[in-house]
Protein backbone atom coordinates (compact mmCIF):
# COMPACT_ATOMS: atom_id res chain seq x y z
CA MET A 1 -157.25 77.09 -149.73
CA ILE A 2 -158.04 79.96 -147.36
CA ALA A 3 -154.40 81.01 -147.33
CA HIS A 4 -154.41 81.03 -151.13
CA ARG A 5 -157.52 83.17 -151.23
CA ILE A 6 -156.03 85.54 -148.68
CA THR A 7 -152.91 85.89 -150.85
CA THR A 8 -155.03 86.51 -153.92
CA ALA A 9 -157.15 89.06 -152.09
CA ILE A 10 -154.04 90.94 -150.94
CA ARG A 11 -152.84 91.08 -154.52
CA LYS A 12 -156.18 92.49 -155.53
CA VAL A 13 -156.06 94.80 -152.47
CA ASP A 14 -159.54 93.51 -151.61
CA PHE A 15 -159.44 94.36 -147.90
CA GLY A 16 -163.11 93.54 -147.37
CA THR A 17 -162.58 89.98 -148.50
CA LEU A 18 -159.36 89.82 -146.51
CA VAL A 19 -161.06 90.82 -143.28
CA LEU A 20 -163.87 88.36 -143.91
CA GLU A 21 -161.48 85.49 -144.59
CA VAL A 22 -159.43 86.26 -141.44
CA PHE A 23 -162.64 86.42 -139.41
CA VAL A 24 -163.75 83.05 -140.74
CA LEU A 25 -160.33 81.55 -140.03
CA ILE A 26 -160.21 82.84 -136.42
CA SER A 27 -163.82 81.85 -135.79
CA GLY A 28 -163.10 78.33 -136.98
CA ILE A 29 -160.09 78.02 -134.69
CA LEU A 30 -162.01 79.36 -131.69
CA LEU A 31 -164.93 77.04 -132.41
CA ALA A 32 -162.62 74.05 -132.64
CA LEU A 33 -160.97 75.02 -129.36
CA SER A 34 -164.36 75.47 -127.69
CA VAL A 35 -165.56 72.07 -128.86
CA ASP A 36 -162.35 70.45 -127.67
CA ARG A 37 -162.63 72.19 -124.29
CA TRP A 38 -166.27 71.20 -123.93
CA ASN A 39 -165.44 67.60 -124.70
CA GLN A 40 -162.55 67.62 -122.20
CA ASP A 41 -164.75 69.15 -119.49
CA ARG A 42 -167.35 66.47 -120.14
CA LEU A 43 -164.76 63.72 -119.81
CA ASP A 44 -163.37 65.34 -116.64
CA ALA A 45 -166.85 65.51 -115.11
CA ILE A 46 -167.45 61.83 -115.90
CA GLU A 47 -164.15 60.80 -114.31
CA THR A 48 -164.81 62.98 -111.27
CA ARG A 49 -168.19 61.30 -110.77
CA GLN A 50 -166.52 57.91 -110.99
CA ILE A 51 -163.95 58.87 -108.35
CA VAL A 52 -166.73 60.24 -106.11
CA GLN A 53 -168.49 56.89 -106.41
CA ARG A 54 -165.30 55.21 -105.18
CA LEU A 55 -165.16 57.77 -102.36
CA LYS A 56 -168.71 56.81 -101.39
CA SER A 57 -167.72 53.14 -101.37
CA ASP A 58 -164.68 53.90 -99.19
CA THR A 59 -166.87 55.86 -96.77
CA THR A 60 -169.42 53.04 -96.52
CA ARG A 61 -166.68 50.54 -95.71
CA ASN A 62 -165.09 52.88 -93.16
CA LEU A 63 -168.43 53.34 -91.40
CA ALA A 64 -168.97 49.57 -91.34
CA MET A 65 -165.54 49.14 -89.75
CA PHE A 66 -166.33 51.66 -87.03
CA ASP A 67 -169.76 50.13 -86.41
CA SER A 68 -168.10 46.77 -85.77
CA THR A 69 -165.16 47.98 -83.66
CA LEU A 70 -166.34 50.94 -81.57
CA PRO A 71 -168.76 48.89 -79.42
CA GLY A 72 -165.91 46.59 -78.39
CA MET A 73 -163.71 49.54 -77.51
CA GLN A 74 -166.54 51.07 -75.47
CA ASP A 75 -167.09 47.81 -73.60
CA ASN A 76 -163.38 47.44 -72.91
CA LEU A 77 -163.17 50.96 -71.48
CA ALA A 78 -166.23 50.32 -69.30
CA ASN A 79 -164.65 47.11 -67.98
CA ILE A 80 -161.34 48.84 -67.20
CA LYS A 81 -163.24 51.53 -65.31
CA THR A 82 -164.94 48.77 -63.33
CA LEU A 83 -161.55 47.29 -62.45
CA PHE A 84 -160.26 50.67 -61.33
CA ARG A 85 -163.30 51.32 -59.15
CA ALA A 86 -162.83 47.97 -57.47
CA LEU A 87 -159.11 48.58 -56.88
CA ASP A 88 -159.83 52.07 -55.59
CA ALA A 89 -162.47 50.76 -53.18
CA GLY A 90 -160.37 47.74 -52.19
CA THR A 91 -163.23 45.35 -52.88
CA MET A 92 -165.11 43.75 -55.74
CA ALA A 93 -168.41 44.07 -53.87
CA GLY A 94 -171.02 45.76 -56.03
CA GLU A 95 -168.98 45.33 -59.21
CA ASP A 96 -169.36 42.81 -62.05
CA PRO A 97 -166.72 40.06 -61.65
CA GLU A 98 -166.89 39.21 -65.36
CA ALA A 99 -166.20 42.83 -66.29
CA ILE A 100 -163.16 42.85 -63.99
CA GLU A 101 -161.82 39.61 -65.46
CA SER A 102 -162.39 40.88 -69.00
CA ALA A 103 -160.52 44.08 -68.17
CA MET A 104 -157.53 42.12 -66.93
CA ALA A 105 -157.51 40.00 -70.08
CA ARG A 106 -157.85 42.90 -72.54
CA ILE A 107 -156.43 45.92 -70.76
CA ASP A 108 -153.45 46.10 -73.12
CA VAL A 109 -155.57 46.01 -76.29
CA VAL A 110 -155.46 49.40 -78.03
CA PRO A 111 -156.87 48.53 -81.45
CA SER A 112 -156.05 50.50 -84.58
CA TYR A 113 -157.87 49.84 -87.84
CA PRO A 114 -156.80 51.22 -91.22
CA LEU A 115 -159.22 53.58 -92.90
CA ILE A 116 -159.58 53.54 -96.68
CA PHE A 117 -158.54 56.78 -98.40
CA ALA A 118 -158.25 55.52 -101.99
CA GLY A 119 -160.96 57.79 -103.39
CA TYR A 120 -159.71 60.85 -101.51
CA GLU A 121 -156.12 60.26 -102.58
CA GLU A 122 -157.24 59.85 -106.20
CA LEU A 123 -159.11 63.15 -106.05
CA ILE A 124 -155.95 64.86 -104.83
CA ALA A 125 -153.63 63.12 -107.30
CA THR A 126 -155.82 64.03 -110.29
CA GLY A 127 -156.47 67.57 -109.10
CA ARG A 128 -160.21 66.90 -109.08
CA LEU A 129 -160.79 67.67 -105.41
CA ARG A 130 -161.68 71.26 -106.34
CA GLN A 131 -164.32 69.95 -108.76
CA LEU A 132 -166.44 68.62 -105.91
CA ASP A 133 -167.95 72.10 -105.63
CA ASP A 134 -168.65 71.44 -101.94
CA PRO A 135 -166.22 73.28 -99.62
CA VAL A 136 -167.77 71.69 -96.54
CA LEU A 137 -167.13 68.19 -97.90
CA VAL A 138 -163.58 69.11 -98.91
CA ASP A 139 -162.94 70.42 -95.38
CA LEU A 140 -164.39 67.27 -93.79
CA LEU A 141 -162.23 65.01 -95.95
CA GLY A 142 -159.13 66.94 -94.89
CA LYS A 143 -160.11 66.74 -91.21
CA GLN A 144 -160.75 63.02 -91.46
CA ARG A 145 -157.30 62.37 -92.88
CA ALA A 146 -155.60 64.69 -90.38
CA GLN A 147 -157.36 63.09 -87.38
CA TYR A 148 -156.50 59.61 -88.61
CA GLU A 149 -152.83 60.46 -89.07
CA ALA A 150 -152.73 62.08 -85.62
CA GLY A 151 -154.08 58.86 -84.12
CA GLN A 152 -151.57 56.73 -85.99
CA ALA A 153 -148.78 58.95 -84.69
CA VAL A 154 -149.62 58.37 -81.01
CA VAL A 155 -151.04 54.84 -80.91
CA GLY A 156 -147.58 53.25 -80.64
CA TYR A 157 -146.69 55.46 -77.67
CA TRP A 158 -149.96 54.65 -75.91
CA ARG A 159 -149.46 50.94 -76.49
CA ASP A 160 -146.04 51.15 -74.90
CA LEU A 161 -147.57 52.83 -71.83
CA ILE A 162 -150.26 50.16 -71.59
CA GLN A 163 -147.58 47.48 -71.39
CA GLU A 164 -146.66 48.83 -67.94
CA VAL A 165 -150.15 47.85 -66.78
CA THR A 166 -149.69 44.34 -68.14
CA LYS A 167 -146.35 44.02 -66.32
CA SER A 168 -147.96 45.04 -63.05
CA LEU A 169 -150.89 42.67 -63.53
CA SER A 170 -148.66 39.74 -64.48
CA GLN A 171 -147.14 39.82 -60.97
CA HIS A 172 -150.52 38.92 -59.48
CA VAL A 173 -152.59 37.37 -62.27
CA GLU A 174 -152.32 33.93 -63.83
CA TYR A 175 -153.59 33.86 -67.40
CA HIS A 176 -155.03 30.74 -68.99
CA PHE A 177 -157.18 29.67 -71.95
CA THR A 178 -160.75 28.66 -71.35
CA THR A 179 -161.30 27.06 -74.75
CA GLU A 180 -159.54 24.46 -76.85
CA GLN A 181 -159.02 27.00 -79.63
CA MET A 182 -156.73 28.98 -77.33
CA ASP A 183 -157.60 32.30 -78.95
CA GLU A 184 -158.12 35.82 -77.62
CA SER A 185 -161.82 35.27 -76.93
CA GLY A 186 -161.02 32.44 -74.54
CA ILE A 187 -158.54 34.12 -72.19
CA GLY A 188 -159.26 33.58 -68.50
CA VAL A 189 -157.60 34.92 -65.35
CA ARG A 190 -156.92 33.64 -61.84
CA PHE A 191 -156.06 36.12 -59.11
CA ASN A 192 -156.27 37.08 -55.46
CA PHE A 193 -158.04 40.42 -55.42
CA SER A 194 -156.66 41.36 -52.01
CA GLU A 195 -153.16 41.24 -53.47
CA LEU A 196 -154.24 43.35 -56.43
CA ALA A 197 -155.88 45.98 -54.23
CA ALA A 198 -152.79 46.20 -52.04
CA ASP A 199 -150.54 47.08 -54.99
CA ARG A 200 -150.63 50.88 -55.27
CA VAL A 201 -148.43 50.87 -58.38
CA LEU A 202 -150.90 48.58 -60.13
CA ARG A 203 -153.78 50.84 -59.14
CA ASN A 204 -151.97 53.86 -60.61
CA HIS A 205 -151.23 51.97 -63.81
CA VAL A 206 -154.88 51.00 -64.18
CA PHE A 207 -155.74 54.66 -63.63
CA GLU A 208 -153.47 55.51 -66.58
CA ALA A 209 -155.09 52.75 -68.62
CA VAL A 210 -158.51 54.33 -68.09
CA ASP A 211 -157.12 57.62 -69.35
CA ILE A 212 -155.39 56.06 -72.37
CA HIS A 213 -158.36 53.98 -73.46
CA GLY A 214 -160.67 56.96 -72.94
CA ASP A 215 -158.49 59.22 -75.08
CA TRP A 216 -158.15 56.59 -77.79
CA LEU A 217 -161.88 55.89 -77.88
CA GLY A 218 -162.55 59.63 -77.99
CA MET A 219 -160.21 60.06 -80.95
CA GLN A 220 -161.73 57.12 -82.84
CA THR A 221 -165.24 58.35 -82.09
CA GLY A 222 -164.29 61.78 -83.43
CA ILE A 223 -163.09 60.26 -86.71
CA TYR A 224 -166.28 58.20 -86.85
CA GLU A 225 -168.45 61.31 -86.49
CA ILE A 226 -166.51 63.07 -89.26
CA THR A 227 -166.97 60.00 -91.46
CA ARG A 228 -170.71 60.09 -90.82
CA GLU A 229 -170.80 63.76 -91.86
CA ILE A 230 -168.89 62.90 -95.03
CA ASP A 231 -171.39 60.15 -95.77
CA ALA A 232 -174.28 62.56 -95.30
CA ARG A 233 -172.71 65.14 -97.66
CA LEU A 234 -172.09 62.51 -100.32
CA LYS A 235 -175.72 61.45 -100.20
CA GLU A 236 -177.10 64.96 -100.73
């Protein structure tokens, strides 16, 4: 209809009507585009909020994982340090025998637990990461992923090194189960400490184990602290 009126107006050389009709036509198109854009932005914002909620859930679960695993890693490192001190001094006097036995049983345990990045990966895949409007949070999320991948890249190498400690210990230590379940929590050891203390290679390997477990715990603790910062930003 508008096109017909425009044609008629041109025939009548009614330029005033022509300009008015063109203005109405363009205004209608722009209004329709604006409404469509507004609606799309609204839908995008809703979806972004939904993804952020999933990111919050991921962060809560990651924190719970760290809260349950870091204490065990800290205890294991403390026990290995106790073993090294005893080997270095050549005596168990003044040290906790249970800590030394626990170190021997778990010295080769370098645990790695998968973090959940579903929400973060969805933000990247949908291009909605920039919609967070929080550059600090975006930076923290990137650091968390980078630190995690760095840890995953070296954990295999560190585990291989730890095996040298186990080989040295196995020459002097007899392992046995203390429970009928025969699981990891019931591993016991029998040993002659004088023989252990006399083995300089073993002492050096335990020294390396202290370093490896310390570095691994430090890396995991660093990721944990970043995760806590992410959690705090998400709660603001």
